[in-house]
Amino acid sequence: MALSTAFTRLLGLRHPIALAPMGGSAGGALAAAVSVGGGLGLLGAGGGDPDWLARELPIVARVGKPWGVGFQTWAIDVAAVERALEHGPRAVMFSFGDPSRYVERVRGAGATLIVQVTDLEEARQAVDLGADVIVAQGTESGGHGARRGRATLPFVPVVVDLAAPAPVLAAGGIADGRGLAAVLALGAAGALIGTRFQASAEALVDPSTARAIVEGCGEDTERSGVLDIARGSRWPSKYTARTLGHPYLDRWRGREAELAVDQQAKLAYQSDLARGDLPPLPVWASEAIDLITDLPPAADLVGTLVAQAEDALARAGGR
């Protein structure tokens, strides 16, 4: 069974899978491996750090397959986008913020415009901007997402109907081929997958992070703004982050407003970090981490996900 969709045809891909451009951890090697496997590898450029981009962009740019780059829209400037476009990405993705000022630059470079949305207001804006591909992110996703969003299952078909005929990718809580099959049945043209690829051989993560994902379960994850506040992160309050458990979550849960004005608590976080009493970064993790039990090469993982999806769809068709 060939999983050909509007998304694969648009970008010349073998499989309807895209790597979530996880800031920092989706480096050049991981993006390249996903592209080699037949999906769309998206470099996790985050806020567009010039040194990081200078190191990672050349790695993925020489892969010889379609690849792209993804930005945290609220954190970047025009220079970051132009720096990425110089390397000829096939696609550029924007998440978490208004990408209007970058649209013409992306189009002028001949790249596919991908916009991730977390609610219907953002989805309507993406349609109005003429996004070539829209990513509908449900709240099961690891890392940042909507403070007041919807789960993937009810959100995706609403965005599919709103965005037609533009293809929609589903994101959030997809960690095996059954999840891919499910979102295809919802009308999505593919899946954007993050946490499952964070637990792969090429991901730029500390071994302790990969181990925590493999050993964790969905009940261990929590969506909160506490860790952004404690770290002094500038993330907009509209977006909270799903992570595995953390001492500061237990200490400050439900007291975000108090933490925001407590300078001593923020200094204590940095001191605990310097002493090694806290992990270097929160462990961003999807509710689907129960399905993640190994650390395979990402290219192999793409093939596994597709085979699982094909099997799931064949079984559903036989009922």
Protein backbone atom coordinates (compact mmCIF):
# COMPACT_ATOMS: atom_id res chain seq x y z
CA MET A 1 0.00 0.00 0.00
CA ALA A 2 1.50 3.35 -1.03
CA LEU A 3 0.74 6.20 1.37
CA SER A 4 0.68 8.88 -1.30
CA THR A 5 -0.98 12.13 -0.19
CA ALA A 6 -1.22 15.76 -1.26
CA PHE A 7 1.71 16.45 1.09
CA THR A 8 4.01 13.80 -0.40
CA ARG A 9 3.16 14.89 -3.93
CA LEU A 10 3.73 18.57 -3.13
CA LEU A 11 7.21 17.99 -1.77
CA GLY A 12 8.27 14.91 -3.71
CA LEU A 13 8.43 12.62 -0.66
CA ARG A 14 8.09 8.87 -0.36
CA HIS A 15 6.26 8.99 2.96
CA PRO A 16 3.76 11.37 4.65
CA ILE A 17 5.99 11.99 7.67
CA ALA A 18 7.70 15.21 8.74
CA LEU A 19 10.15 15.70 11.55
CA ALA A 20 8.92 18.26 14.07
CA PRO A 21 11.55 21.04 14.09
CA MET A 22 12.29 20.67 17.79
CA GLY A 23 14.40 23.64 18.81
CA GLY A 24 18.01 22.60 19.28
CA SER A 25 17.45 18.83 19.28
CA ALA A 26 16.39 18.46 15.63
CA GLY A 27 19.84 19.18 14.27
CA GLY A 28 21.30 18.65 10.84
CA ALA A 29 22.03 14.95 11.26
CA LEU A 30 18.51 14.15 12.47
CA ALA A 31 16.81 16.21 9.77
CA ALA A 32 19.02 14.63 7.11
CA ALA A 33 18.27 11.12 8.38
CA VAL A 34 14.51 11.67 8.23
CA SER A 35 14.83 13.00 4.67
CA VAL A 36 16.98 10.02 3.66
CA GLY A 37 14.28 7.78 5.12
CA GLY A 38 11.74 9.32 2.76
CA GLY A 39 10.09 11.90 5.00
CA LEU A 40 10.65 15.64 5.35
CA GLY A 41 13.46 16.46 7.75
CA LEU A 42 12.89 19.87 9.33
CA LEU A 43 15.83 21.49 11.10
CA GLY A 44 14.86 22.83 14.54
CA ALA A 45 16.21 26.37 14.23
CA GLY A 46 14.27 27.69 17.23
CA GLY A 47 15.09 31.36 17.68
CA GLY A 48 17.62 31.35 14.85
CA ASP A 49 20.91 31.33 16.75
CA PRO A 50 23.53 32.21 14.09
CA ASP A 51 26.26 29.92 15.41
CA TRP A 52 23.91 26.95 15.68
CA LEU A 53 22.57 27.53 12.18
CA ALA A 54 26.09 27.92 10.77
CA ARG A 55 26.97 24.51 12.18
CA GLU A 56 23.78 22.56 11.44
CA LEU A 57 22.48 23.99 8.14
CA PRO A 58 25.37 22.67 6.00
CA ILE A 59 24.86 19.17 7.40
CA VAL A 60 21.27 18.88 6.18
CA ALA A 61 21.75 21.02 3.07
CA ARG A 62 23.96 18.39 1.43
CA VAL A 63 21.53 15.51 1.99
CA GLY A 64 20.29 15.50 -1.63
CA LYS A 65 16.65 14.99 -0.57
CA PRO A 66 13.87 17.45 0.26
CA TRP A 67 14.48 19.11 3.62
CA GLY A 68 13.34 22.17 5.48
CA VAL A 69 13.81 24.38 8.50
CA GLY A 70 11.43 25.39 11.25
CA PHE A 71 11.40 28.53 13.41
CA GLN A 72 9.76 29.73 16.61
CA THR A 73 8.13 32.75 15.01
CA TRP A 74 7.97 34.93 18.12
CA ALA A 75 11.74 34.59 18.69
CA ILE A 76 13.27 35.30 15.26
CA ASP A 77 14.10 38.15 12.94
CA VAL A 78 14.36 38.50 9.17
CA ALA A 79 18.10 37.79 9.24
CA ALA A 80 17.54 34.30 10.65
CA VAL A 81 15.10 33.41 7.88
CA GLU A 82 17.38 34.79 5.18
CA ARG A 83 20.33 32.87 6.63
CA ALA A 84 18.36 29.64 6.29
CA LEU A 85 17.09 30.45 2.80
CA GLU A 86 20.67 30.86 1.57
CA HIS A 87 21.04 27.06 1.92
CA GLY A 88 18.08 26.27 -0.32
CA PRO A 89 15.53 24.54 1.93
CA ARG A 90 12.59 22.95 0.16
CA ALA A 91 10.27 24.15 2.95
CA VAL A 92 10.21 26.67 5.79
CA MET A 93 7.93 26.20 8.77
CA PHE A 94 6.76 28.83 11.26
CA SER A 95 5.24 28.05 14.65
CA PHE A 96 3.99 30.10 17.60
CA GLY A 97 3.37 33.59 16.34
CA ASP A 98 2.39 35.66 13.32
CA PRO A 99 4.62 34.77 10.33
CA SER A 100 3.21 37.46 8.02
CA ARG A 101 6.42 39.43 7.67
CA TYR A 102 8.34 36.38 6.41
CA VAL A 103 5.85 34.99 3.89
CA GLU A 104 7.05 36.88 0.81
CA ARG A 105 10.70 36.08 1.52
CA VAL A 106 9.90 32.37 1.69
CA ARG A 107 7.82 32.51 -1.47
CA GLY A 108 10.47 34.55 -3.25
CA ALA A 109 12.99 31.81 -2.52
CA GLY A 110 10.69 29.20 -4.03
CA ALA A 111 10.26 27.34 -0.74
CA THR A 112 7.07 25.72 0.52
CA LEU A 113 5.42 27.70 3.32
CA ILE A 114 4.37 25.55 6.29
CA VAL A 115 2.52 27.14 9.21
CA GLN A 116 1.76 25.35 12.47
CA VAL A 117 -1.45 26.32 14.25
CA THR A 118 -2.69 25.59 17.76
CA ASP A 119 -6.21 27.03 17.61
CA LEU A 120 -8.82 28.09 15.08
CA GLU A 121 -7.78 31.74 15.09
CA GLU A 122 -4.26 30.74 14.06
CA ALA A 123 -5.69 28.31 11.51
CA ARG A 124 -7.77 31.03 9.86
CA GLN A 125 -4.74 33.31 9.73
CA ALA A 126 -2.67 30.57 8.09
CA VAL A 127 -5.38 30.09 5.46
CA ASP A 128 -5.53 33.83 4.83
CA LEU A 129 -1.74 33.90 4.40
CA GLY A 130 -2.02 31.20 1.76
CA ALA A 131 0.09 28.63 3.62
CA ASP A 132 1.00 25.72 1.36
CA VAL A 133 0.80 23.27 4.27
CA ILE A 134 -0.86 23.75 7.67
CA VAL A 135 0.13 21.76 10.75
CA ALA A 136 -2.69 21.24 13.28
CA GLN A 137 -1.09 20.71 16.67
CA GLY A 138 -3.08 19.02 19.44
CA THR A 139 -2.39 19.49 23.12
CA GLU A 140 -0.95 15.96 23.53
CA SER A 141 2.24 17.18 21.91
CA GLY A 142 5.53 17.39 23.76
CA GLY A 143 7.15 20.78 24.18
CA HIS A 144 5.27 23.99 23.59
CA GLY A 145 1.68 24.27 22.45
CA ALA A 146 -1.58 26.01 23.21
CA ARG A 147 -2.40 26.81 26.81
CA ARG A 148 -6.07 26.44 25.87
CA GLY A 149 -6.07 24.19 22.84
CA ARG A 150 -7.79 21.03 21.66
CA ALA A 151 -6.74 17.43 21.54
CA THR A 152 -5.49 16.14 18.19
CA LEU A 153 -8.50 13.91 17.46
CA PRO A 154 -11.15 16.69 17.44
CA PHE A 155 -8.84 19.47 16.22
CA VAL A 156 -7.40 17.94 13.05
CA PRO A 157 -10.63 17.35 11.07
CA VAL A 158 -11.83 20.88 11.85
CA VAL A 159 -8.61 22.32 10.43
CA VAL A 160 -8.75 19.93 7.46
CA ASP A 161 -12.19 21.26 6.56
CA LEU A 162 -11.15 24.87 7.10
CA ALA A 163 -7.90 24.63 5.12
CA ALA A 164 -9.07 22.62 2.09
CA PRO A 165 -7.61 22.20 -0.45
CA ALA A 166 -4.29 22.92 1.33
CA PRO A 167 -2.88 19.75 2.91
CA VAL A 168 -2.88 19.50 6.70
CA LEU A 169 -0.40 17.61 8.84
CA ALA A 170 -1.45 16.38 12.27
CA ALA A 171 0.82 16.85 15.29
CA GLY A 172 0.53 15.81 18.90
CA GLY A 173 0.57 12.37 20.48
CA ILE A 174 1.70 10.47 17.36
CA ALA A 175 4.49 8.05 18.16
CA ASP A 176 3.86 4.98 16.04
CA GLY A 177 2.33 4.01 12.71
CA ARG A 178 -1.12 3.49 14.20
CA GLY A 179 -1.17 7.19 15.06
CA LEU A 180 -0.16 8.03 11.49
CA ALA A 181 -2.93 5.79 10.15
CA ALA A 182 -5.45 7.43 12.48
CA VAL A 183 -4.71 10.98 11.37
CA LEU A 184 -4.79 9.95 7.71
CA ALA A 185 -8.28 8.63 8.42
CA LEU A 186 -9.16 12.03 9.89
CA GLY A 187 -8.31 13.64 6.56
CA ALA A 188 -4.76 14.76 7.34
CA ALA A 189 -2.16 14.42 4.58
CA GLY A 190 0.50 13.22 6.99
CA ALA A 191 1.94 13.61 10.46
CA LEU A 192 4.50 15.90 12.05
CA ILE A 193 6.26 13.79 14.68
CA GLY A 194 8.51 15.06 17.46
CA THR A 195 9.07 13.05 20.65
CA ARG A 196 9.44 9.74 18.81
CA PHE A 197 12.31 11.23 16.78
CA GLN A 198 13.81 12.87 19.85
CA ALA A 199 14.42 9.31 21.02
CA SER A 200 16.51 8.37 17.99
CA ALA A 201 20.18 7.89 17.34
CA GLU A 202 20.77 11.25 15.65
CA ALA A 203 18.85 13.57 18.00
CA LEU A 204 20.88 16.33 19.65
CA VAL A 205 19.84 15.46 23.19
CA ASP A 206 21.69 14.44 26.32
CA PRO A 207 21.64 10.65 26.81
CA SER A 208 19.74 11.18 30.05
CA THR A 209 16.94 12.89 28.10
CA ALA A 210 16.63 10.03 25.62
CA ARG A 211 16.65 7.54 28.49
CA ALA A 212 13.93 9.47 30.34
CA ILE A 213 11.70 9.39 27.25
CA VAL A 214 12.19 5.65 26.77
CA GLU A 215 11.47 4.97 30.44
CA GLY A 216 8.61 7.45 30.88
CA CYS A 217 4.86 7.14 30.48
CA GLY A 218 2.13 9.52 29.48
CA GLU A 219 0.90 10.07 33.03
CA ASP A 220 4.35 11.44 33.87
CA THR A 221 3.87 14.36 31.47
CA GLU A 222 2.33 17.71 32.34
CA ARG A 223 1.53 20.90 30.44
CA SER A 224 2.55 23.98 32.38
CA GLY A 225 4.17 27.42 32.19
CA VAL A 226 6.12 26.97 35.43
CA LEU A 227 9.42 25.91 33.90
CA ASP A 228 9.46 28.73 31.35
CA ILE A 229 8.95 31.23 34.16
CA ALA A 230 11.59 29.63 36.40
CA ARG A 231 14.12 29.52 33.56
CA GLY A 232 13.49 33.14 32.64
CA SER A 233 12.34 32.08 29.17
CA ARG A 234 10.58 34.71 27.06
CA TRP A 235 7.99 32.28 25.65
CA PRO A 236 4.61 34.01 25.23
CA SER A 237 2.19 33.04 28.00
CA LYS A 238 -0.26 31.79 25.34
CA TYR A 239 1.94 28.71 24.95
CA THR A 240 2.74 26.27 27.72
CA ALA A 241 5.05 23.26 27.53
CA ARG A 242 4.40 19.56 28.06
CA THR A 243 7.31 17.99 29.92
CA LEU A 244 8.12 15.06 32.12
CA GLY A 245 8.02 15.63 35.88
CA HIS A 246 10.39 18.20 37.40
CA PRO A 247 11.05 19.39 40.99
CA TYR A 248 10.01 22.93 40.16
CA LEU A 249 6.68 21.73 38.79
CA ASP A 250 5.94 20.12 42.13
CA ARG A 251 7.11 23.22 44.01
CA TRP A 252 5.26 25.86 41.99
CA ARG A 253 2.28 24.11 40.38
CA GLY A 254 -0.68 26.48 40.34
CA ARG A 255 1.45 29.39 41.60
CA GLU A 256 2.72 30.75 38.29
CA ALA A 257 1.77 34.37 39.07
CA GLU A 258 3.66 34.19 42.36
CA LEU A 259 6.71 32.65 40.69
CA ALA A 260 6.75 35.31 37.99
CA VAL A 261 7.53 38.05 40.54
CA ASP A 262 9.76 35.98 42.84
CA GLN A 263 13.32 36.86 41.80
CA GLN A 264 14.82 34.73 44.55
CA ALA A 265 13.04 31.66 43.22
CA LYS A 266 14.46 32.28 39.75
CA LEU A 267 17.96 32.70 41.20
CA ALA A 268 17.46 29.48 43.14
CA TYR A 269 16.60 27.69 39.88
CA GLN A 270 19.88 28.84 38.34
CA SER A 271 21.80 27.81 41.45
CA ASP A 272 20.21 24.36 41.47
CA LEU A 273 21.02 24.06 37.79
CA ALA A 274 24.67 25.03 38.31
CA ARG A 275 25.04 22.45 41.11
CA GLY A 276 23.61 19.71 38.90
CA ASP A 277 20.53 19.29 41.08
CA LEU A 278 18.30 19.81 38.04
CA PRO A 279 18.47 18.46 34.48
CA PRO A 280 20.13 20.92 32.04
CA LEU A 281 16.80 21.33 30.21
CA PRO A 282 13.24 20.23 30.90
CA VAL A 283 12.45 16.94 29.17
CA TRP A 284 9.88 17.90 26.54
CA ALA A 285 7.71 14.84 26.00
CA SER A 286 4.44 13.85 24.33
CA GLU A 287 1.64 11.95 26.03
CA ALA A 288 2.49 9.08 23.66
CA ILE A 289 5.88 8.28 25.21
CA ASP A 290 4.59 4.91 26.43
CA LEU A 291 4.96 3.78 22.81
CA ILE A 292 8.66 4.72 22.69
CA THR A 293 10.90 1.88 23.84
CA ASP A 294 14.12 2.18 21.82
CA LEU A 295 16.58 4.60 20.18
CA PRO A 296 16.77 3.54 16.51
CA PRO A 297 18.38 5.40 13.62
CA ALA A 298 15.86 7.96 12.37
CA ALA A 299 15.86 6.72 8.76
CA ASP A 300 14.94 3.22 9.95
CA LEU A 301 12.29 4.70 12.19
CA VAL A 302 10.57 6.37 9.23
CA GLY A 303 10.29 2.98 7.51
CA THR A 304 8.96 1.36 10.67
CA LEU A 305 6.28 4.01 11.13
CA VAL A 306 5.12 3.63 7.55
CA ALA A 307 5.01 -0.18 7.74
CA GLN A 308 2.97 0.04 10.95
CA ALA A 309 0.58 2.53 9.34
CA GLU A 310 0.12 0.36 6.27
CA ASP A 311 -0.64 -2.63 8.48
CA ALA A 312 -3.12 -0.64 10.57
CA LEU A 313 -4.92 0.67 7.49
CA ALA A 314 -5.05 -2.80 5.93
CA ARG A 315 -6.54 -4.23 9.10
CA ALA A 316 -9.12 -1.44 9.27
CA GLY A 317 -10.03 -2.03 5.63
CA GLY A 318 -10.58 -5.70 6.27
CA ARG A 319 -13.16 -5.20 8.98
